[in-house]
Amino acid sequence: MRKVFIVDDDATFARILAANFQRIDEYRVDIFRTARELLDRTLEDPPDVVITDLVMPEMNGLQLTRELRRADP
């Protein structure tokens, strides 16, 4: 089963996106409200795919992508 992590500060949009993935049995989807939550989880349980919002408080999607690549090139 492939792990998909979605991070978006818009909870409604994240749930809609997750629901589309969850209709296919081969995906497990986890939703995060902040980039920091996703990064913390990634250390213990790395995903196969990350879908990120670009504009978020604290850390934007580009910064998150850089952090993820730094942790696991």
Protein backbone atom coordinates (compact mmCIF):
# COMPACT_ATOMS: atom_id res chain seq x y z
CA MET A 1 0.00 0.00 0.00
CA ARG A 2 1.38 3.42 -0.97
CA LYS A 3 1.44 6.20 1.62
CA VAL A 4 0.30 9.65 0.55
CA PHE A 5 0.77 12.61 2.88
CA ILE A 6 -1.30 15.73 2.19
CA VAL A 7 -0.53 19.03 3.89
CA ASP A 8 -2.88 21.96 3.51
CA ASP A 9 -4.11 24.58 5.94
CA ASP A 10 -7.53 24.36 4.24
CA ALA A 11 -8.99 21.29 5.96
CA THR A 12 -11.95 21.00 3.58
CA PHE A 13 -9.76 20.92 0.48
CA ALA A 14 -7.41 18.38 2.08
CA ARG A 15 -10.32 16.07 2.95
CA ILE A 16 -11.72 16.27 -0.59
CA LEU A 17 -8.33 15.47 -2.08
CA ALA A 18 -7.81 12.60 0.37
CA ALA A 19 -11.24 11.15 -0.42
CA ASN A 20 -10.30 10.89 -4.08
CA PHE A 21 -7.18 8.89 -3.24
CA GLN A 22 -8.97 6.71 -0.70
CA ARG A 23 -11.43 5.49 -3.32
CA ILE A 24 -8.52 3.46 -4.67
CA ASP A 25 -7.61 0.69 -2.24
CA GLU A 26 -3.89 0.88 -2.85
CA TYR A 27 -3.43 4.26 -1.10
CA ARG A 28 -3.25 5.13 2.59
CA VAL A 29 -3.72 8.87 3.04
CA ASP A 30 -2.76 11.01 6.02
CA ILE A 31 -3.69 14.69 6.27
CA PHE A 32 -1.63 17.33 8.06
CA ARG A 33 -2.59 20.93 8.87
CA THR A 34 1.00 22.22 9.04
CA ALA A 35 4.29 21.49 7.35
CA ARG A 36 5.92 20.94 10.77
CA GLU A 37 3.42 18.16 11.60
CA LEU A 38 4.19 16.47 8.31
CA LEU A 39 7.95 16.76 8.81
CA ASP A 40 7.75 15.30 12.31
CA ARG A 41 5.74 12.33 11.03
CA THR A 42 8.03 11.83 8.04
CA LEU A 43 10.97 11.14 10.36
CA GLU A 44 9.25 8.07 11.81
CA ASP A 45 7.06 7.03 8.86
CA PRO A 46 8.26 8.28 5.46
CA PRO A 47 5.61 8.61 2.74
CA ASP A 48 5.79 7.57 -0.90
CA VAL A 49 4.21 10.84 -2.04
CA VAL A 50 3.72 14.28 -0.51
CA ILE A 51 1.10 16.69 -1.83
CA THR A 52 1.55 20.17 -0.43
CA ASP A 53 -0.18 23.49 -0.56
CA LEU A 54 2.18 26.26 -1.66
CA VAL A 55 0.88 29.04 0.57
CA MET A 56 0.73 28.11 4.26
CA PRO A 57 1.62 29.89 7.49
CA GLU A 58 4.99 29.18 9.14
CA MET A 59 6.50 27.24 6.20
CA ASN A 60 5.40 27.35 2.57
CA GLY A 61 5.28 24.38 0.21
CA LEU A 62 8.63 25.15 -1.42
CA GLN A 63 10.37 25.34 1.94
CA LEU A 64 8.73 22.07 2.94
CA THR A 65 9.93 20.41 -0.25
CA ARG A 66 13.49 21.58 0.44
CA GLU A 67 13.33 20.18 3.98
CA LEU A 68 12.00 16.84 2.74
CA ARG A 69 14.75 16.57 0.12
CA ARG A 70 17.38 17.49 2.69
CA ALA A 71 16.15 14.70 5.00
CA ASP A 72 15.89 12.11 2.20
CA PRO A 73 17.50 13.09 -1.10
